[in-house]
Amino acid sequence: MGRDKISIATPITDDVIKGLECGDAVSLSGVIYTARDAAHARLVEMLSRGEPMPFDFAGSAVYYAGPSPTRPGAAIGAIGPTTSGRMDAYSPTLIALGLKVMIGKGLRNEAVKRAIAEYRGLYLVATGGAAALISRSVKSSEIIAFPDLGTEAIRRLEVADFPAIVAIDRQGRDIYD
């Protein structure tokens, strides 16, 4: 299962997704956004009120992470993945809006797997415990929404060669099964 590392870039297109399979190692570059459960809850509340989103979900990637404080001269502090299941209640709604890639760690529920398959998305896993190493992939970081959430604010990150593995592919195949 899995092939040699495949380089992909945001925004993620359906053609890119078609070329990836469960177990593939990827190297992701481009713009990604951080958001954890508190931010996800706010996004879904904003949607229910018809408010505009802080970024365009079409072809986007969201990394479930909250960075530690930034050390001098760095773009960001250590930024490891958080448990993805905490976003499961919100993810199908955001996937339906065009969210193509979610990055985190751990299992996803059946509703998320169905939404990934229906809307042709991907779930990538990043290596837990490698937060300092992952931070080297981040070239810039800017808070774009919910600054009151501190480390859980939504950030726009520019990344280069962010390492991850396809855990759930467009057909709903799950590396954990």
C-alpha atoms as a PDB file:
ATOM      1  CA  MET A   1       0.000   0.000   0.000  1.00  0.00           C
ATOM      2  CA  GLY A   2       1.313   3.430  -0.906  1.00  0.00           C
ATOM      3  CA  ARG A   3       3.734   4.641  -3.530  1.00  0.00           C
ATOM      4  CA  ASP A   4       6.750   6.903  -3.549  1.00  0.00           C
ATOM      5  CA  LYS A   5       6.143  10.431  -2.269  1.00  0.00           C
ATOM      6  CA  ILE A   6       3.915  12.459  -4.586  1.00  0.00           C
ATOM      7  CA  SER A   7       4.171  16.264  -4.694  1.00  0.00           C
ATOM      8  CA  ILE A   8       0.844  18.112  -4.641  1.00  0.00           C
ATOM      9  CA  ALA A   9      -0.044  21.796  -4.343  1.00  0.00           C
ATOM     10  CA  THR A  10      -3.042  23.831  -3.287  1.00  0.00           C
ATOM     11  CA  PRO A  11      -5.615  24.556  -4.460  1.00  0.00           C
ATOM     12  CA  ILE A  12      -6.348  20.843  -4.746  1.00  0.00           C
ATOM     13  CA  THR A  13      -8.228  19.804  -7.886  1.00  0.00           C
ATOM     14  CA  ASP A  14     -10.285  16.717  -8.633  1.00  0.00           C
ATOM     15  CA  ASP A  15      -7.557  15.595 -11.061  1.00  0.00           C
ATOM     16  CA  VAL A  16      -4.978  15.652  -8.252  1.00  0.00           C
ATOM     17  CA  ILE A  17      -7.320  13.711  -5.980  1.00  0.00           C
ATOM     18  CA  LYS A  18      -7.949  11.098  -8.702  1.00  0.00           C
ATOM     19  CA  GLY A  19      -4.220  10.414  -8.805  1.00  0.00           C
ATOM     20  CA  LEU A  20      -3.914   9.631  -5.081  1.00  0.00           C
ATOM     21  CA  GLU A  21      -4.643   6.405  -3.249  1.00  0.00           C
ATOM     22  CA  CYS A  22      -4.901   5.340   0.342  1.00  0.00           C
ATOM     23  CA  GLY A  23      -1.395   4.890   1.750  1.00  0.00           C
ATOM     24  CA  ASP A  24       0.348   7.275  -0.666  1.00  0.00           C
ATOM     25  CA  ALA A  25       2.957   9.577   0.852  1.00  0.00           C
ATOM     26  CA  VAL A  26       2.508  13.183  -0.235  1.00  0.00           C
ATOM     27  CA  SER A  27       4.511  16.373  -0.057  1.00  0.00           C
ATOM     28  CA  LEU A  28       2.070  19.281   0.114  1.00  0.00           C
ATOM     29  CA  SER A  29       2.945  22.856  -0.862  1.00  0.00           C
ATOM     30  CA  GLY A  30       0.904  26.037  -1.085  1.00  0.00           C
ATOM     31  CA  VAL A  31      -1.641  27.654   1.221  1.00  0.00           C
ATOM     32  CA  ILE A  32      -3.330  25.651   3.961  1.00  0.00           C
ATOM     33  CA  TYR A  33      -5.453  26.806   6.895  1.00  0.00           C
ATOM     34  CA  THR A  34      -5.376  25.739  10.526  1.00  0.00           C
ATOM     35  CA  ALA A  35      -8.634  25.153  12.368  1.00  0.00           C
ATOM     36  CA  ARG A  36      -9.528  23.075  15.392  1.00  0.00           C
ATOM     37  CA  ASP A  37     -12.869  22.236  16.997  1.00  0.00           C
ATOM     38  CA  ALA A  38     -13.678  25.684  18.439  1.00  0.00           C
ATOM     39  CA  ALA A  39     -13.055  27.315  15.042  1.00  0.00           C
ATOM     40  CA  HIS A  40     -15.074  24.603  13.274  1.00  0.00           C
ATOM     41  CA  ALA A  41     -18.034  25.235  15.574  1.00  0.00           C
ATOM     42  CA  ARG A  42     -17.885  28.955  14.775  1.00  0.00           C
ATOM     43  CA  LEU A  43     -17.636  28.326  11.035  1.00  0.00           C
ATOM     44  CA  VAL A  44     -20.763  26.151  11.063  1.00  0.00           C
ATOM     45  CA  GLU A  45     -22.600  28.758  13.186  1.00  0.00           C
ATOM     46  CA  MET A  46     -21.599  31.469  10.686  1.00  0.00           C
ATOM     47  CA  LEU A  47     -22.909  29.314   7.835  1.00  0.00           C
ATOM     48  CA  SER A  48     -26.244  28.829   9.580  1.00  0.00           C
ATOM     49  CA  ARG A  49     -26.552  32.633   9.847  1.00  0.00           C
ATOM     50  CA  GLY A  50     -25.589  33.107   6.183  1.00  0.00           C
ATOM     51  CA  GLU A  51     -22.375  34.952   7.027  1.00  0.00           C
ATOM     52  CA  PRO A  52     -19.362  34.906   4.701  1.00  0.00           C
ATOM     53  CA  MET A  53     -16.544  32.503   5.474  1.00  0.00           C
ATOM     54  CA  PRO A  54     -13.058  33.795   6.368  1.00  0.00           C
ATOM     55  CA  PHE A  55     -11.592  31.870   3.410  1.00  0.00           C
ATOM     56  CA  ASP A  56     -12.799  30.097   0.283  1.00  0.00           C
ATOM     57  CA  PHE A  57     -13.246  26.372   0.912  1.00  0.00           C
ATOM     58  CA  ALA A  58     -13.081  25.456  -2.792  1.00  0.00           C
ATOM     59  CA  GLY A  59      -9.985  23.313  -3.286  1.00  0.00           C
ATOM     60  CA  SER A  60      -8.647  24.213   0.145  1.00  0.00           C
ATOM     61  CA  ALA A  61      -6.826  22.201   2.796  1.00  0.00           C
ATOM     62  CA  VAL A  62      -7.390  22.497   6.547  1.00  0.00           C
ATOM     63  CA  TYR A  63      -4.795  21.322   9.046  1.00  0.00           C
ATOM     64  CA  TYR A  64      -6.150  20.399  12.476  1.00  0.00           C
ATOM     65  CA  ALA A  65      -3.442  22.059  14.528  1.00  0.00           C
ATOM     66  CA  GLY A  66      -2.714  24.866  16.953  1.00  0.00           C
ATOM     67  CA  PRO A  67       0.889  26.029  17.075  1.00  0.00           C
ATOM     68  CA  SER A  68       3.026  26.585  20.125  1.00  0.00           C
ATOM     69  CA  PRO A  69       4.581  30.051  20.554  1.00  0.00           C
ATOM     70  CA  THR A  70       6.814  31.165  17.699  1.00  0.00           C
ATOM     71  CA  ARG A  71      10.508  31.341  18.499  1.00  0.00           C
ATOM     72  CA  PRO A  72      12.483  34.316  17.173  1.00  0.00           C
ATOM     73  CA  GLY A  73      13.273  34.087  13.479  1.00  0.00           C
ATOM     74  CA  ALA A  74      10.769  31.291  12.799  1.00  0.00           C
ATOM     75  CA  ALA A  75       7.523  31.507  10.833  1.00  0.00           C
ATOM     76  CA  ILE A  76       5.654  29.504  13.481  1.00  0.00           C
ATOM     77  CA  GLY A  77       6.185  27.408  16.593  1.00  0.00           C
ATOM     78  CA  ALA A  78       5.907  23.636  16.748  1.00  0.00           C
ATOM     79  CA  ILE A  79       2.705  22.648  14.961  1.00  0.00           C
ATOM     80  CA  GLY A  80       1.725  19.014  15.254  1.00  0.00           C
ATOM     81  CA  PRO A  81      -1.622  17.477  14.275  1.00  0.00           C
ATOM     82  CA  THR A  82      -4.506  17.191  16.700  1.00  0.00           C
ATOM     83  CA  THR A  83      -7.084  14.395  16.896  1.00  0.00           C
ATOM     84  CA  SER A  84      -9.291  14.684  13.818  1.00  0.00           C
ATOM     85  CA  GLY A  85     -12.349  13.000  15.319  1.00  0.00           C
ATOM     86  CA  ARG A  86     -13.067  16.186  17.273  1.00  0.00           C
ATOM     87  CA  MET A  87     -13.981  17.849  13.949  1.00  0.00           C
ATOM     88  CA  ASP A  88     -16.198  15.009  12.671  1.00  0.00           C
ATOM     89  CA  ALA A  89     -19.474  16.725  13.600  1.00  0.00           C
ATOM     90  CA  TYR A  90     -18.565  19.702  11.402  1.00  0.00           C
ATOM     91  CA  SER A  91     -16.499  18.210   8.579  1.00  0.00           C
ATOM     92  CA  PRO A  92     -19.270  16.934   6.247  1.00  0.00           C
ATOM     93  CA  THR A  93     -20.764  20.445   6.096  1.00  0.00           C
ATOM     94  CA  LEU A  94     -17.408  21.992   5.163  1.00  0.00           C
ATOM     95  CA  ILE A  95     -16.600  19.228   2.672  1.00  0.00           C
ATOM     96  CA  ALA A  96     -19.896  19.952   0.927  1.00  0.00           C
ATOM     97  CA  LEU A  97     -18.751  23.596   0.593  1.00  0.00           C
ATOM     98  CA  GLY A  98     -15.653  22.508  -1.347  1.00  0.00           C
ATOM     99  CA  LEU A  99     -13.100  21.643   1.344  1.00  0.00           C
ATOM    100  CA  LYS A 100     -10.905  19.084  -0.438  1.00  0.00           C
ATOM    101  CA  VAL A 101      -8.267  18.085   2.101  1.00  0.00           C
ATOM    102  CA  MET A 102      -8.232  17.665   5.861  1.00  0.00           C
ATOM    103  CA  ILE A 103      -4.980  16.970   7.697  1.00  0.00           C
ATOM    104  CA  GLY A 104      -4.790  15.597  11.223  1.00  0.00           C
ATOM    105  CA  LYS A 105      -4.289  12.340  13.060  1.00  0.00           C
ATOM    106  CA  GLY A 106      -6.484   9.420  13.969  1.00  0.00           C
ATOM    107  CA  LEU A 107      -9.730   7.864  12.815  1.00  0.00           C
ATOM    108  CA  ARG A 108     -12.704   9.576  11.133  1.00  0.00           C
ATOM    109  CA  ASN A 109     -16.348   8.580  11.463  1.00  0.00           C
ATOM    110  CA  GLU A 110     -18.534   7.087   8.728  1.00  0.00           C
ATOM    111  CA  ALA A 111     -20.253  10.398   7.901  1.00  0.00           C
ATOM    112  CA  VAL A 112     -16.875  12.000   7.149  1.00  0.00           C
ATOM    113  CA  LYS A 113     -15.808   9.017   5.031  1.00  0.00           C
ATOM    114  CA  ARG A 114     -19.059   9.224   3.034  1.00  0.00           C
ATOM    115  CA  ALA A 115     -18.638  12.973   2.492  1.00  0.00           C
ATOM    116  CA  ILE A 116     -15.042  12.467   1.320  1.00  0.00           C
ATOM    117  CA  ALA A 117     -16.216   9.871  -1.208  1.00  0.00           C
ATOM    118  CA  GLU A 118     -19.291  11.867  -2.327  1.00  0.00           C
ATOM    119  CA  TYR A 119     -17.451  15.161  -2.833  1.00  0.00           C
ATOM    120  CA  ARG A 120     -14.091  13.673  -3.930  1.00  0.00           C
ATOM    121  CA  GLY A 121     -11.842  14.750  -1.099  1.00  0.00           C
ATOM    122  CA  LEU A 122      -8.940  13.404   0.923  1.00  0.00           C
ATOM    123  CA  TYR A 123      -8.016  12.935   4.548  1.00  0.00           C
ATOM    124  CA  LEU A 124      -4.287  13.105   5.175  1.00  0.00           C
ATOM    125  CA  VAL A 125      -2.501  12.159   8.359  1.00  0.00           C
ATOM    126  CA  ALA A 126       0.557  13.944   9.633  1.00  0.00           C
ATOM    127  CA  THR A 127       2.944  12.326  12.042  1.00  0.00           C
ATOM    128  CA  GLY A 128       2.073  13.022  15.650  1.00  0.00           C
ATOM    129  CA  GLY A 129       5.084  13.850  17.809  1.00  0.00           C
ATOM    130  CA  ALA A 130       6.842  15.555  14.896  1.00  0.00           C
ATOM    131  CA  ALA A 131       5.538  19.078  15.550  1.00  0.00           C
ATOM    132  CA  ALA A 132       8.954  20.739  15.486  1.00  0.00           C
ATOM    133  CA  LEU A 133       9.872  18.965  12.253  1.00  0.00           C
ATOM    134  CA  ILE A 134       6.554  19.878  10.604  1.00  0.00           C
ATOM    135  CA  SER A 135       7.068  23.544  11.541  1.00  0.00           C
ATOM    136  CA  ARG A 136      10.028  23.600   9.124  1.00  0.00           C
ATOM    137  CA  SER A 137       7.523  23.208   6.269  1.00  0.00           C
ATOM    138  CA  VAL A 138       5.729  26.434   7.272  1.00  0.00           C
ATOM    139  CA  LYS A 139       7.100  29.453   5.428  1.00  0.00           C
ATOM    140  CA  SER A 140       4.590  32.045   6.708  1.00  0.00           C
ATOM    141  CA  SER A 141       1.698  32.261   9.149  1.00  0.00           C
ATOM    142  CA  GLU A 142      -1.076  34.845   9.521  1.00  0.00           C
ATOM    143  CA  ILE A 143      -4.157  34.778  11.761  1.00  0.00           C
ATOM    144  CA  ILE A 144      -7.198  35.388   9.515  1.00  0.00           C
ATOM    145  CA  ALA A 145     -10.125  34.641  11.858  1.00  0.00           C
ATOM    146  CA  PHE A 146     -11.069  34.269  15.526  1.00  0.00           C
ATOM    147  CA  PRO A 147      -7.933  35.735  17.156  1.00  0.00           C
ATOM    148  CA  ASP A 148      -9.680  35.441  20.535  1.00  0.00           C
ATOM    149  CA  LEU A 149      -9.231  31.660  20.268  1.00  0.00           C
ATOM    150  CA  GLY A 150      -5.458  32.007  20.703  1.00  0.00           C
ATOM    151  CA  THR A 151      -3.707  28.913  19.366  1.00  0.00           C
ATOM    152  CA  GLU A 152      -7.046  27.720  17.939  1.00  0.00           C
ATOM    153  CA  ALA A 153      -7.478  30.830  15.755  1.00  0.00           C
ATOM    154  CA  ILE A 154      -7.712  30.164  12.034  1.00  0.00           C
ATOM    155  CA  ARG A 155      -4.348  30.753  10.408  1.00  0.00           C
ATOM    156  CA  ARG A 156      -3.351  30.988   6.774  1.00  0.00           C
ATOM    157  CA  LEU A 157      -0.097  29.088   6.353  1.00  0.00           C
ATOM    158  CA  GLU A 158       2.170  28.928   3.347  1.00  0.00           C
ATOM    159  CA  VAL A 159       3.867  25.536   3.366  1.00  0.00           C
ATOM    160  CA  ALA A 160       6.505  23.820   1.275  1.00  0.00           C
ATOM    161  CA  ASP A 161       7.002  20.061   1.268  1.00  0.00           C
ATOM    162  CA  PHE A 162       4.609  19.388   4.153  1.00  0.00           C
ATOM    163  CA  PRO A 163       4.834  15.600   4.722  1.00  0.00           C
ATOM    164  CA  ALA A 164       1.629  13.561   5.050  1.00  0.00           C
ATOM    165  CA  ILE A 165       0.036  10.230   4.124  1.00  0.00           C
ATOM    166  CA  VAL A 166      -3.312   9.692   2.393  1.00  0.00           C
ATOM    167  CA  ALA A 167      -5.408   8.029   5.099  1.00  0.00           C
ATOM    168  CA  ILE A 168      -8.813   8.197   3.356  1.00  0.00           C
ATOM    169  CA  ASP A 169      -8.930   8.508  -0.423  1.00  0.00           C
ATOM    170  CA  ARG A 170     -11.675   9.697  -2.800  1.00  0.00           C
ATOM    171  CA  GLN A 171     -13.243   6.226  -2.807  1.00  0.00           C
ATOM    172  CA  GLY A 172     -13.514   6.146   0.978  1.00  0.00           C
ATOM    173  CA  ARG A 173     -10.739   3.589   1.418  1.00  0.00           C
ATOM    174  CA  ASP A 174      -9.338   4.009   4.918  1.00  0.00           C
ATOM    175  CA  ILE A 175      -5.761   3.224   5.927  1.00  0.00           C
ATOM    176  CA  TYR A 176      -7.042   2.343   9.407  1.00  0.00           C
ATOM    177  CA  ASP A 177      -9.347  -0.449   8.124  1.00  0.00           C
END
